Amino acid sequence: MKITQKGPDSIKVSRPAQGAEARPATPAPAPAGGSELSQVQLSALATSQLSAGEAPFNAENVERIKQAIRNGEFTVNAEVVADRLLEIESGLARQS
């Protein structure tokens, strides 16, 4: 999938309607039955990484990215982000 940028005018930011009052988010009610425990289902990839004993992230890579952000050198590849989001979405759709 290709995503092309059309310039800064193509980005739309939604703002509250004039005169609308901002309010803090409220927590969701507890599930019926009085239990706050939920079931979590891990993807095959997450399960394989847990069983392999792999670290959930590479600390060295994270530090390198943080430094690039601080230096103003970090760039986001919108095409890669879009492709990964589509992968996640298709995986979620298959689980439903």
N, C-alpha and C. Protein backbone atom coordinates (compact mmCIF):
# COMPACT_ATOMS: atom_id res chain seq x y z
N MET A 1 0.85 -1.18 0.00
CA MET A 1 0.00 0.00 0.00
C MET A 1 0.89 1.24 0.00
N LYS A 2 0.56 2.17 -0.81
CA LYS A 2 1.31 3.42 -0.92
C LYS A 2 0.49 4.55 -0.31
N ILE A 3 1.16 5.37 0.47
CA ILE A 3 0.54 6.57 1.01
C ILE A 3 1.37 7.74 0.54
N THR A 4 0.73 8.69 -0.07
CA THR A 4 1.46 9.85 -0.56
C THR A 4 1.07 11.06 0.27
N GLN A 5 2.04 11.89 0.50
CA GLN A 5 1.78 13.12 1.23
C GLN A 5 1.37 14.20 0.25
N LYS A 6 0.39 14.96 0.64
CA LYS A 6 -0.08 16.04 -0.23
C LYS A 6 0.23 17.41 0.37
N GLY A 7 1.10 17.43 1.34
CA GLY A 7 1.47 18.70 1.96
C GLY A 7 0.76 18.90 3.29
N PRO A 8 1.13 19.95 4.01
CA PRO A 8 0.57 20.19 5.34
C PRO A 8 -0.93 20.45 5.34
N ASP A 9 -1.48 20.88 4.21
CA ASP A 9 -2.92 21.15 4.16
C ASP A 9 -3.74 19.87 4.16
N SER A 10 -3.10 18.73 3.91
CA SER A 10 -3.84 17.47 3.86
C SER A 10 -4.08 16.89 5.25
N ILE A 11 -3.43 17.44 6.27
CA ILE A 11 -3.60 16.96 7.63
C ILE A 11 -4.70 17.76 8.30
N LYS A 12 -5.68 17.06 8.83
CA LYS A 12 -6.79 17.73 9.49
C LYS A 12 -6.77 17.41 10.97
N VAL A 13 -6.90 18.42 11.77
CA VAL A 13 -6.93 18.26 13.22
C VAL A 13 -8.31 18.64 13.69
N SER A 14 -8.95 17.73 14.41
CA SER A 14 -10.28 18.08 14.91
C SER A 14 -10.15 18.75 16.26
N ARG A 15 -10.94 19.74 16.45
CA ARG A 15 -10.94 20.51 17.69
C ARG A 15 -12.36 20.53 18.23
N PRO A 16 -12.52 20.70 19.56
CA PRO A 16 -13.87 20.79 20.09
C PRO A 16 -14.61 21.98 19.50
N ALA A 17 -15.90 21.84 19.37
CA ALA A 17 -16.72 22.93 18.85
C ALA A 17 -16.57 24.15 19.75
N GLN A 18 -16.70 25.30 19.15
CA GLN A 18 -16.56 26.53 19.91
C GLN A 18 -17.60 26.55 21.02
N GLY A 19 -17.17 26.85 22.23
CA GLY A 19 -18.06 26.88 23.38
C GLY A 19 -18.18 25.52 24.07
N ALA A 20 -17.63 24.46 23.47
CA ALA A 20 -17.68 23.14 24.09
C ALA A 20 -16.69 23.10 25.25
N GLU A 21 -17.08 22.42 26.29
CA GLU A 21 -16.24 22.34 27.47
C GLU A 21 -15.45 21.04 27.46
N ALA A 22 -14.14 21.14 27.67
CA ALA A 22 -13.31 19.94 27.75
C ALA A 22 -13.53 19.31 29.12
N ARG A 23 -13.57 17.98 29.16
CA ARG A 23 -13.75 17.30 30.44
C ARG A 23 -12.85 16.08 30.47
N PRO A 24 -12.41 15.69 31.66
CA PRO A 24 -11.52 14.55 31.76
C PRO A 24 -12.25 13.25 31.45
N ALA A 25 -11.50 12.26 30.99
CA ALA A 25 -12.07 10.95 30.70
C ALA A 25 -12.49 10.28 32.00
N THR A 26 -13.54 9.51 31.94
CA THR A 26 -13.99 8.77 33.12
C THR A 26 -13.71 7.29 32.91
N PRO A 27 -13.36 6.56 33.98
CA PRO A 27 -13.06 5.15 33.82
C PRO A 27 -14.30 4.36 33.43
N ALA A 28 -14.08 3.28 32.69
CA ALA A 28 -15.19 2.41 32.29
C ALA A 28 -15.71 1.66 33.51
N PRO A 29 -17.00 1.34 33.53
CA PRO A 29 -17.53 0.60 34.66
C PRO A 29 -16.94 -0.81 34.72
N ALA A 30 -16.92 -1.39 35.92
CA ALA A 30 -16.41 -2.75 36.10
C ALA A 30 -17.32 -3.73 35.37
N PRO A 31 -16.77 -4.82 34.86
CA PRO A 31 -17.59 -5.79 34.14
C PRO A 31 -18.63 -6.44 35.07
N ALA A 32 -19.71 -6.92 34.47
CA ALA A 32 -20.76 -7.57 35.24
C ALA A 32 -20.18 -8.78 35.95
N GLY A 33 -20.71 -9.07 37.11
CA GLY A 33 -20.22 -10.21 37.88
C GLY A 33 -19.28 -9.77 38.99
N GLY A 34 -18.93 -8.51 39.04
CA GLY A 34 -18.12 -7.98 40.13
C GLY A 34 -16.64 -8.27 40.02
N SER A 35 -16.20 -9.04 39.06
CA SER A 35 -14.79 -9.36 38.92
C SER A 35 -14.14 -8.36 37.97
N GLU A 36 -12.96 -7.89 38.36
CA GLU A 36 -12.24 -6.96 37.48
C GLU A 36 -11.20 -7.68 36.65
N LEU A 37 -11.17 -9.02 36.72
CA LEU A 37 -10.21 -9.78 35.94
C LEU A 37 -10.73 -9.94 34.52
N SER A 38 -9.82 -9.85 33.57
CA SER A 38 -10.19 -10.01 32.17
C SER A 38 -9.33 -11.09 31.56
N GLN A 39 -9.83 -11.69 30.52
CA GLN A 39 -9.04 -12.66 29.78
C GLN A 39 -8.27 -11.93 28.70
N VAL A 40 -7.03 -12.33 28.52
CA VAL A 40 -6.19 -11.75 27.49
C VAL A 40 -5.76 -12.88 26.57
N GLN A 41 -5.85 -12.62 25.27
CA GLN A 41 -5.44 -13.62 24.30
C GLN A 41 -4.25 -13.08 23.53
N LEU A 42 -3.13 -13.80 23.57
CA LEU A 42 -1.92 -13.36 22.90
C LEU A 42 -1.89 -13.89 21.47
N SER A 43 -1.31 -13.10 20.59
CA SER A 43 -1.15 -13.54 19.21
C SER A 43 -0.08 -14.64 19.16
N ALA A 44 -0.02 -15.33 18.05
CA ALA A 44 0.99 -16.38 17.88
C ALA A 44 2.40 -15.80 17.96
N LEU A 45 2.59 -14.61 17.42
CA LEU A 45 3.89 -13.96 17.47
C LEU A 45 4.29 -13.65 18.91
N ALA A 46 3.37 -13.08 19.68
CA ALA A 46 3.66 -12.75 21.08
C ALA A 46 3.96 -14.02 21.88
N THR A 47 3.19 -15.06 21.63
CA THR A 47 3.41 -16.32 22.34
C THR A 47 4.77 -16.90 22.00
N SER A 48 5.14 -16.87 20.73
CA SER A 48 6.44 -17.42 20.33
C SER A 48 7.59 -16.62 20.93
N GLN A 49 7.43 -15.31 21.03
CA GLN A 49 8.49 -14.49 21.62
C GLN A 49 8.61 -14.76 23.11
N LEU A 50 7.50 -14.96 23.78
CA LEU A 50 7.55 -15.27 25.21
C LEU A 50 8.20 -16.62 25.45
N SER A 51 7.83 -17.60 24.65
CA SER A 51 8.39 -18.94 24.85
C SER A 51 9.87 -18.99 24.47
N ALA A 52 10.28 -18.13 23.57
CA ALA A 52 11.68 -18.10 23.15
C ALA A 52 12.54 -17.32 24.14
N GLY A 53 11.91 -16.64 25.09
CA GLY A 53 12.66 -15.87 26.08
C GLY A 53 13.23 -14.58 25.54
N GLU A 54 12.71 -14.11 24.43
CA GLU A 54 13.22 -12.87 23.84
C GLU A 54 12.76 -11.67 24.65
N ALA A 55 13.60 -10.66 24.71
CA ALA A 55 13.22 -9.42 25.37
C ALA A 55 12.14 -8.73 24.54
N PRO A 56 11.18 -8.07 25.19
CA PRO A 56 10.11 -7.42 24.42
C PRO A 56 10.61 -6.24 23.59
N PHE A 57 11.79 -5.73 23.87
CA PHE A 57 12.33 -4.63 23.07
C PHE A 57 13.85 -4.63 23.19
N ASN A 58 14.48 -3.94 22.30
CA ASN A 58 15.93 -3.82 22.28
C ASN A 58 16.29 -2.47 22.90
N ALA A 59 16.81 -2.48 24.11
CA ALA A 59 17.10 -1.24 24.83
C ALA A 59 18.09 -0.35 24.07
N GLU A 60 19.05 -0.96 23.41
CA GLU A 60 20.03 -0.18 22.65
C GLU A 60 19.35 0.55 21.49
N ASN A 61 18.45 -0.14 20.82
CA ASN A 61 17.71 0.46 19.70
C ASN A 61 16.81 1.59 20.19
N VAL A 62 16.17 1.39 21.34
CA VAL A 62 15.31 2.42 21.91
C VAL A 62 16.12 3.67 22.23
N GLU A 63 17.29 3.49 22.81
CA GLU A 63 18.13 4.64 23.16
C GLU A 63 18.59 5.37 21.90
N ARG A 64 18.92 4.62 20.85
CA ARG A 64 19.33 5.23 19.58
C ARG A 64 18.21 6.08 18.98
N ILE A 65 16.99 5.57 19.06
CA ILE A 65 15.83 6.31 18.54
C ILE A 65 15.57 7.55 19.39
N LYS A 66 15.68 7.41 20.71
CA LYS A 66 15.47 8.57 21.59
C LYS A 66 16.47 9.68 21.27
N GLN A 67 17.72 9.28 21.03
CA GLN A 67 18.76 10.26 20.73
C GLN A 67 18.46 10.94 19.39
N ALA A 68 18.00 10.18 18.41
CA ALA A 68 17.66 10.76 17.11
C ALA A 68 16.51 11.75 17.24
N ILE A 69 15.54 11.44 18.09
CA ILE A 69 14.42 12.37 18.32
C ILE A 69 14.93 13.64 18.97
N ARG A 70 15.78 13.50 19.99
CA ARG A 70 16.35 14.68 20.67
C ARG A 70 17.11 15.57 19.69
N ASN A 71 17.81 14.94 18.75
CA ASN A 71 18.63 15.69 17.78
C ASN A 71 17.82 16.19 16.59
N GLY A 72 16.55 15.85 16.54
CA GLY A 72 15.71 16.26 15.42
C GLY A 72 16.03 15.51 14.14
N GLU A 73 16.61 14.32 14.26
CA GLU A 73 17.02 13.54 13.10
C GLU A 73 16.10 12.36 12.82
N PHE A 74 15.11 12.13 13.66
CA PHE A 74 14.23 10.97 13.50
C PHE A 74 13.16 11.27 12.46
N THR A 75 13.03 10.38 11.50
CA THR A 75 11.99 10.54 10.49
C THR A 75 11.09 9.30 10.51
N VAL A 76 9.83 9.52 10.25
CA VAL A 76 8.85 8.44 10.23
C VAL A 76 8.57 8.06 8.78
N ASN A 77 8.66 6.79 8.48
CA ASN A 77 8.34 6.29 7.15
C ASN A 77 6.85 5.95 7.17
N ALA A 78 6.03 6.83 6.64
CA ALA A 78 4.58 6.67 6.68
C ALA A 78 4.13 5.39 5.99
N GLU A 79 4.81 4.98 4.96
CA GLU A 79 4.43 3.75 4.24
C GLU A 79 4.60 2.52 5.13
N VAL A 80 5.71 2.46 5.87
CA VAL A 80 5.95 1.33 6.77
C VAL A 80 4.93 1.33 7.90
N VAL A 81 4.65 2.49 8.47
CA VAL A 81 3.66 2.59 9.54
C VAL A 81 2.29 2.12 9.05
N ALA A 82 1.90 2.57 7.88
CA ALA A 82 0.60 2.18 7.31
C ALA A 82 0.55 0.67 7.07
N ASP A 83 1.61 0.11 6.52
CA ASP A 83 1.64 -1.33 6.27
C ASP A 83 1.53 -2.13 7.57
N ARG A 84 2.24 -1.70 8.60
CA ARG A 84 2.19 -2.41 9.89
C ARG A 84 0.80 -2.29 10.52
N LEU A 85 0.19 -1.12 10.41
CA LEU A 85 -1.17 -0.96 10.94
C LEU A 85 -2.15 -1.89 10.23
N LEU A 86 -1.99 -2.01 8.91
CA LEU A 86 -2.85 -2.91 8.16
C LEU A 86 -2.61 -4.37 8.56
N GLU A 87 -1.37 -4.74 8.84
CA GLU A 87 -1.06 -6.09 9.31
C GLU A 87 -1.76 -6.36 10.64
N ILE A 88 -1.68 -5.41 11.54
CA ILE A 88 -2.33 -5.56 12.86
C ILE A 88 -3.83 -5.67 12.69
N GLU A 89 -4.38 -4.80 11.88
CA GLU A 89 -5.83 -4.80 11.66
C GLU A 89 -6.31 -6.11 11.05
N SER A 90 -5.58 -6.62 10.06
CA SER A 90 -5.99 -7.89 9.45
C SER A 90 -5.87 -9.03 10.45
N GLY A 91 -4.87 -8.98 11.32
CA GLY A 91 -4.72 -10.00 12.35
C GLY A 91 -5.87 -9.95 13.35
N LEU A 92 -6.29 -8.75 13.72
CA LEU A 92 -7.41 -8.59 14.65
C LEU A 92 -8.71 -9.06 14.01
N ALA A 93 -8.88 -8.79 12.71
CA ALA A 93 -10.10 -9.19 12.01
C ALA A 93 -10.21 -10.72 11.95
N ARG A 94 -9.05 -11.40 11.80
CA ARG A 94 -9.06 -12.86 11.74
C ARG A 94 -9.41 -13.48 13.09
N GLN A 95 -9.08 -12.77 14.19
CA GLN A 95 -9.37 -13.30 15.53
C GLN A 95 -10.84 -13.17 15.89
N SER A 96 -11.52 -12.25 15.25
CA SER A 96 -12.93 -12.00 15.59
C SER A 96 -13.83 -13.09 15.11
